[in-house]
């Protein structure tokens, strides 16, 4: 019972940390490249659920985007914990688990979730941005989550 509580707590902490690093990266990149502020970035995330109306939805639409972002990262952290329990190399090599899970999250979001969402279509990203986004998912999301979660696994 206590180990389950500990694992759930670690999943929540991993989601908060990885989610915060990821959204801070998104804020910084979009401001530096396009001059977009945090509200617009969050509205873009919210447009996955709300469609183009998110951009006229003000702070409420941005909060939908923030909630969606953290729920996705929470599901990701739970999946990383499950993978670490199910795949022997996952718990033994958190760096490998972080690398693989961060890359898998990038692929899942870029090629499945976003295209199937209500987010307005955007032109393909230039190669440098694709490389940067993949690296950010690995370094800022996958690796921190894996390192936080693998010590939380019960050692039966």
C-alpha atoms as a PDB file:
ATOM      1  CA  UNK A   1       0.000   0.000   0.000  1.00  0.00           C
ATOM      2  CA  UNK A   2       2.725   2.445   0.982  1.00  0.00           C
ATOM      3  CA  UNK A   3       4.797   1.608  -2.104  1.00  0.00           C
ATOM      4  CA  UNK A   4       1.763   2.364  -4.331  1.00  0.00           C
ATOM      5  CA  UNK A   5       1.361   5.761  -2.644  1.00  0.00           C
ATOM      6  CA  UNK A   6       5.078   6.423  -3.129  1.00  0.00           C
ATOM      7  CA  UNK A   7       4.862   5.461  -6.813  1.00  0.00           C
ATOM      8  CA  UNK A   8       1.797   7.659  -7.392  1.00  0.00           C
ATOM      9  CA  UNK A   9       3.539  10.561  -5.683  1.00  0.00           C
ATOM     10  CA  UNK A  10       6.625  10.088  -7.857  1.00  0.00           C
ATOM     11  CA  UNK A  11       4.440   9.949 -10.992  1.00  0.00           C
ATOM     12  CA  UNK A  12       2.808  13.247  -9.998  1.00  0.00           C
ATOM     13  CA  UNK A  13       6.173  14.876  -9.223  1.00  0.00           C
ATOM     14  CA  UNK A  14       7.641  13.609 -12.511  1.00  0.00           C
ATOM     15  CA  UNK A  15       4.633  15.016 -14.392  1.00  0.00           C
ATOM     16  CA  UNK A  16       4.933  18.411 -12.690  1.00  0.00           C
ATOM     17  CA  UNK A  17       8.684  18.631 -13.310  1.00  0.00           C
ATOM     18  CA  UNK A  18       8.669  17.339 -16.893  1.00  0.00           C
ATOM     19  CA  UNK A  19       5.538  19.315 -17.757  1.00  0.00           C
ATOM     20  CA  UNK A  20       6.995  22.516 -16.350  1.00  0.00           C
ATOM     21  CA  UNK A  21      10.313  22.077 -18.165  1.00  0.00           C
ATOM     22  CA  UNK A  22       8.479  21.309 -21.410  1.00  0.00           C
ATOM     23  CA  UNK A  23       6.109  24.271 -21.254  1.00  0.00           C
ATOM     24  CA  UNK A  24       8.922  26.641 -20.194  1.00  0.00           C
ATOM     25  CA  UNK A  25      10.862  25.471 -23.255  1.00  0.00           C
ATOM     26  CA  UNK A  26       7.783  26.052 -25.463  1.00  0.00           C
ATOM     27  CA  UNK A  27       7.299  29.540 -24.036  1.00  0.00           C
ATOM     28  CA  UNK A  28      10.970  30.470 -24.576  1.00  0.00           C
ATOM     29  CA  UNK A  29      11.257  29.009 -28.081  1.00  0.00           C
ATOM     30  CA  UNK A  30       8.025  30.540 -29.343  1.00  0.00           C
ATOM     31  CA  UNK A  31       8.896  33.930 -27.884  1.00  0.00           C
ATOM     32  CA  UNK A  32      12.405  33.913 -29.362  1.00  0.00           C
ATOM     33  CA  UNK A  33      11.385  32.600 -32.789  1.00  0.00           C
ATOM     34  CA  UNK A  34       7.939  34.149 -33.286  1.00  0.00           C
ATOM     35  CA  UNK A  35       7.467  36.722 -30.535  1.00  0.00           C
ATOM     36  CA  UNK A  36       4.503  34.766 -29.109  1.00  0.00           C
ATOM     37  CA  UNK A  37       3.608  35.114 -25.452  1.00  0.00           C
ATOM     38  CA  UNK A  38       2.662  32.332 -23.036  1.00  0.00           C
ATOM     39  CA  UNK A  39      -1.098  32.878 -23.410  1.00  0.00           C
ATOM     40  CA  UNK A  40      -0.930  32.362 -27.174  1.00  0.00           C
ATOM     41  CA  UNK A  41       1.226  29.246 -26.752  1.00  0.00           C
ATOM     42  CA  UNK A  42      -1.283  27.813 -24.280  1.00  0.00           C
ATOM     43  CA  UNK A  43      -4.172  28.746 -26.569  1.00  0.00           C
ATOM     44  CA  UNK A  44      -2.442  26.765 -29.305  1.00  0.00           C
ATOM     45  CA  UNK A  45      -2.311  23.759 -26.971  1.00  0.00           C
ATOM     46  CA  UNK A  46      -5.958  24.349 -26.057  1.00  0.00           C
ATOM     47  CA  UNK A  47      -6.867  24.475 -29.738  1.00  0.00           C
ATOM     48  CA  UNK A  48      -6.366  20.735 -29.787  1.00  0.00           C
ATOM     49  CA  UNK A  49      -9.649  20.481 -27.881  1.00  0.00           C
ATOM     50  CA  UNK A  50     -11.325  23.781 -28.774  1.00  0.00           C
ATOM     51  CA  UNK A  51     -10.273  24.253 -32.386  1.00  0.00           C
ATOM     52  CA  UNK A  52      -9.434  27.668 -33.865  1.00  0.00           C
ATOM     53  CA  UNK A  53     -11.860  29.362 -31.443  1.00  0.00           C
ATOM     54  CA  UNK A  54      -9.206  28.883 -28.757  1.00  0.00           C
ATOM     55  CA  UNK A  55      -7.327  31.891 -30.141  1.00  0.00           C
ATOM     56  CA  UNK A  56     -10.253  34.162 -29.340  1.00  0.00           C
ATOM     57  CA  UNK A  57     -10.998  32.413 -26.051  1.00  0.00           C
ATOM     58  CA  UNK A  58      -8.660  34.507 -23.936  1.00  0.00           C
ATOM     59  CA  UNK A  59      -7.304  33.260 -20.648  1.00  0.00           C
ATOM     60  CA  UNK A  60      -9.985  30.551 -20.335  1.00  0.00           C
ATOM     61  CA  UNK A  61      -8.769  28.863 -23.521  1.00  0.00           C
ATOM     62  CA  UNK A  62      -5.179  29.185 -22.301  1.00  0.00           C
ATOM     63  CA  UNK A  63      -6.147  27.429 -19.068  1.00  0.00           C
ATOM     64  CA  UNK A  64      -7.738  24.609 -21.095  1.00  0.00           C
ATOM     65  CA  UNK A  65      -4.393  24.332 -22.887  1.00  0.00           C
ATOM     66  CA  UNK A  66      -2.473  24.248 -19.598  1.00  0.00           C
ATOM     67  CA  UNK A  67      -4.763  21.555 -18.182  1.00  0.00           C
ATOM     68  CA  UNK A  68      -4.491  19.487 -21.377  1.00  0.00           C
ATOM     69  CA  UNK A  69      -0.705  19.827 -21.343  1.00  0.00           C
ATOM     70  CA  UNK A  70      -0.346  18.576 -17.767  1.00  0.00           C
ATOM     71  CA  UNK A  71      -2.869  15.762 -18.254  1.00  0.00           C
ATOM     72  CA  UNK A  72      -0.900  14.513 -21.255  1.00  0.00           C
ATOM     73  CA  UNK A  73       2.347  14.677 -19.281  1.00  0.00           C
ATOM     74  CA  UNK A  74       0.694  12.886 -16.339  1.00  0.00           C
ATOM     75  CA  UNK A  75      -0.360  10.062 -18.676  1.00  0.00           C
ATOM     76  CA  UNK A  76       3.170  10.035 -20.081  1.00  0.00           C
ATOM     77  CA  UNK A  77       4.713   9.739 -16.592  1.00  0.00           C
ATOM     78  CA  UNK A  78       2.379   6.855 -15.733  1.00  0.00           C
ATOM     79  CA  UNK A  79       3.357   5.138 -19.005  1.00  0.00           C
ATOM     80  CA  UNK A  80       7.059   5.589 -18.199  1.00  0.00           C
ATOM     81  CA  UNK A  81       6.517   4.029 -14.775  1.00  0.00           C
ATOM     82  CA  UNK A  82       4.647   1.120 -16.369  1.00  0.00           C
ATOM     83  CA  UNK A  83       7.379   0.644 -18.974  1.00  0.00           C
ATOM     84  CA  UNK A  84      10.047   0.681 -16.285  1.00  0.00           C
ATOM     85  CA  UNK A  85       8.182  -2.064 -14.414  1.00  0.00           C
ATOM     86  CA  UNK A  86       7.483  -4.136 -17.527  1.00  0.00           C
ATOM     87  CA  UNK A  87      10.810  -3.864 -19.342  1.00  0.00           C
ATOM     88  CA  UNK A  88      13.774  -5.080 -17.253  1.00  0.00           C
ATOM     89  CA  UNK A  89      16.225  -2.731 -18.978  1.00  0.00           C
ATOM     90  CA  UNK A  90      13.931   0.218 -18.180  1.00  0.00           C
ATOM     91  CA  UNK A  91      14.506   0.212 -14.438  1.00  0.00           C
ATOM     92  CA  UNK A  92      18.154  -0.783 -14.782  1.00  0.00           C
ATOM     93  CA  UNK A  93      18.986   1.951 -17.302  1.00  0.00           C
ATOM     94  CA  UNK A  94      16.940   5.101 -16.669  1.00  0.00           C
ATOM     95  CA  UNK A  95      18.921   7.021 -19.302  1.00  0.00           C
ATOM     96  CA  UNK A  96      17.842   4.522 -21.964  1.00  0.00           C
ATOM     97  CA  UNK A  97      14.236   4.616 -20.768  1.00  0.00           C
ATOM     98  CA  UNK A  98      14.308   8.435 -20.820  1.00  0.00           C
ATOM     99  CA  UNK A  99      15.794   8.550 -24.295  1.00  0.00           C
ATOM    100  CA  UNK A 100      13.273   6.085 -25.711  1.00  0.00           C
ATOM    101  CA  UNK A 101      10.243   7.499 -23.914  1.00  0.00           C
ATOM    102  CA  UNK A 102      11.061  11.122 -24.784  1.00  0.00           C
ATOM    103  CA  UNK A 103      11.495  10.204 -28.449  1.00  0.00           C
ATOM    104  CA  UNK A 104       8.296   8.129 -28.380  1.00  0.00           C
ATOM    105  CA  UNK A 105       6.364  11.051 -26.872  1.00  0.00           C
ATOM    106  CA  UNK A 106       7.637  13.373 -29.613  1.00  0.00           C
ATOM    107  CA  UNK A 107       6.603  10.929 -32.349  1.00  0.00           C
ATOM    108  CA  UNK A 108       3.204  10.253 -30.731  1.00  0.00           C
ATOM    109  CA  UNK A 109       2.376  13.939 -30.285  1.00  0.00           C
ATOM    110  CA  UNK A 110       3.760  15.123 -33.641  1.00  0.00           C
ATOM    111  CA  UNK A 111       2.438  12.419 -35.927  1.00  0.00           C
ATOM    112  CA  UNK A 112      -0.700  11.126 -34.180  1.00  0.00           C
ATOM    113  CA  UNK A 113      -2.176  13.346 -31.448  1.00  0.00           C
ATOM    114  CA  UNK A 114      -1.789  16.800 -33.010  1.00  0.00           C
ATOM    115  CA  UNK A 115      -2.892  15.745 -36.521  1.00  0.00           C
ATOM    116  CA  UNK A 116      -5.988  14.049 -35.081  1.00  0.00           C
ATOM    117  CA  UNK A 117      -6.830  17.015 -32.833  1.00  0.00           C
ATOM    118  CA  UNK A 118      -8.743  20.190 -33.677  1.00  0.00           C
ATOM    119  CA  UNK A 119      -5.501  22.192 -33.793  1.00  0.00           C
ATOM    120  CA  UNK A 120      -5.326  24.263 -36.997  1.00  0.00           C
ATOM    121  CA  UNK A 121      -2.872  22.889 -39.554  1.00  0.00           C
ATOM    122  CA  UNK A 122       0.568  24.471 -39.521  1.00  0.00           C
ATOM    123  CA  UNK A 123       3.335  24.284 -42.118  1.00  0.00           C
ATOM    124  CA  UNK A 124       5.991  21.623 -41.555  1.00  0.00           C
ATOM    125  CA  UNK A 125       8.744  22.673 -39.170  1.00  0.00           C
ATOM    126  CA  UNK A 126      12.216  23.344 -40.563  1.00  0.00           C
ATOM    127  CA  UNK A 127      14.792  20.645 -39.824  1.00  0.00           C
ATOM    128  CA  UNK A 128      16.523  22.623 -37.079  1.00  0.00           C
ATOM    129  CA  UNK A 129      13.245  23.027 -35.202  1.00  0.00           C
ATOM    130  CA  UNK A 130      12.371  19.351 -35.547  1.00  0.00           C
ATOM    131  CA  UNK A 131      15.774  18.411 -34.116  1.00  0.00           C
ATOM    132  CA  UNK A 132      15.347  20.921 -31.302  1.00  0.00           C
ATOM    133  CA  UNK A 133      11.839  19.696 -30.439  1.00  0.00           C
ATOM    134  CA  UNK A 134      12.953  16.046 -30.425  1.00  0.00           C
ATOM    135  CA  UNK A 135      15.949  16.911 -28.242  1.00  0.00           C
ATOM    136  CA  UNK A 136      13.748  18.872 -25.844  1.00  0.00           C
ATOM    137  CA  UNK A 137      11.324  15.960 -25.473  1.00  0.00           C
ATOM    138  CA  UNK A 138      14.226  13.650 -24.677  1.00  0.00           C
ATOM    139  CA  UNK A 139      16.237  15.965 -22.400  1.00  0.00           C
ATOM    140  CA  UNK A 140      13.471  17.927 -20.665  1.00  0.00           C
ATOM    141  CA  UNK A 141      10.679  15.338 -20.496  1.00  0.00           C
ATOM    142  CA  UNK A 142      11.895  11.771 -20.994  1.00  0.00           C
ATOM    143  CA  UNK A 143      15.097  11.818 -18.972  1.00  0.00           C
ATOM    144  CA  UNK A 144      13.784  13.683 -15.895  1.00  0.00           C
ATOM    145  CA  UNK A 145      10.697  11.451 -15.776  1.00  0.00           C
ATOM    146  CA  UNK A 146      12.733   8.262 -16.077  1.00  0.00           C
ATOM    147  CA  UNK A 147      15.227   9.320 -13.410  1.00  0.00           C
ATOM    148  CA  UNK A 148      12.479  10.310 -11.003  1.00  0.00           C
ATOM    149  CA  UNK A 149      10.381   7.202 -11.595  1.00  0.00           C
ATOM    150  CA  UNK A 150      12.827   4.315 -11.672  1.00  0.00           C
ATOM    151  CA  UNK A 151      13.787   4.618  -7.960  1.00  0.00           C
ATOM    152  CA  UNK A 152      10.075   4.548  -7.118  1.00  0.00           C
ATOM    153  CA  UNK A 153       9.562   1.044  -8.482  1.00  0.00           C
ATOM    154  CA  UNK A 154       8.933  -1.673  -5.906  1.00  0.00           C
ATOM    155  CA  UNK A 155      11.881  -4.046  -5.653  1.00  0.00           C
ATOM    156  CA  UNK A 156      10.128  -7.392  -5.306  1.00  0.00           C
END
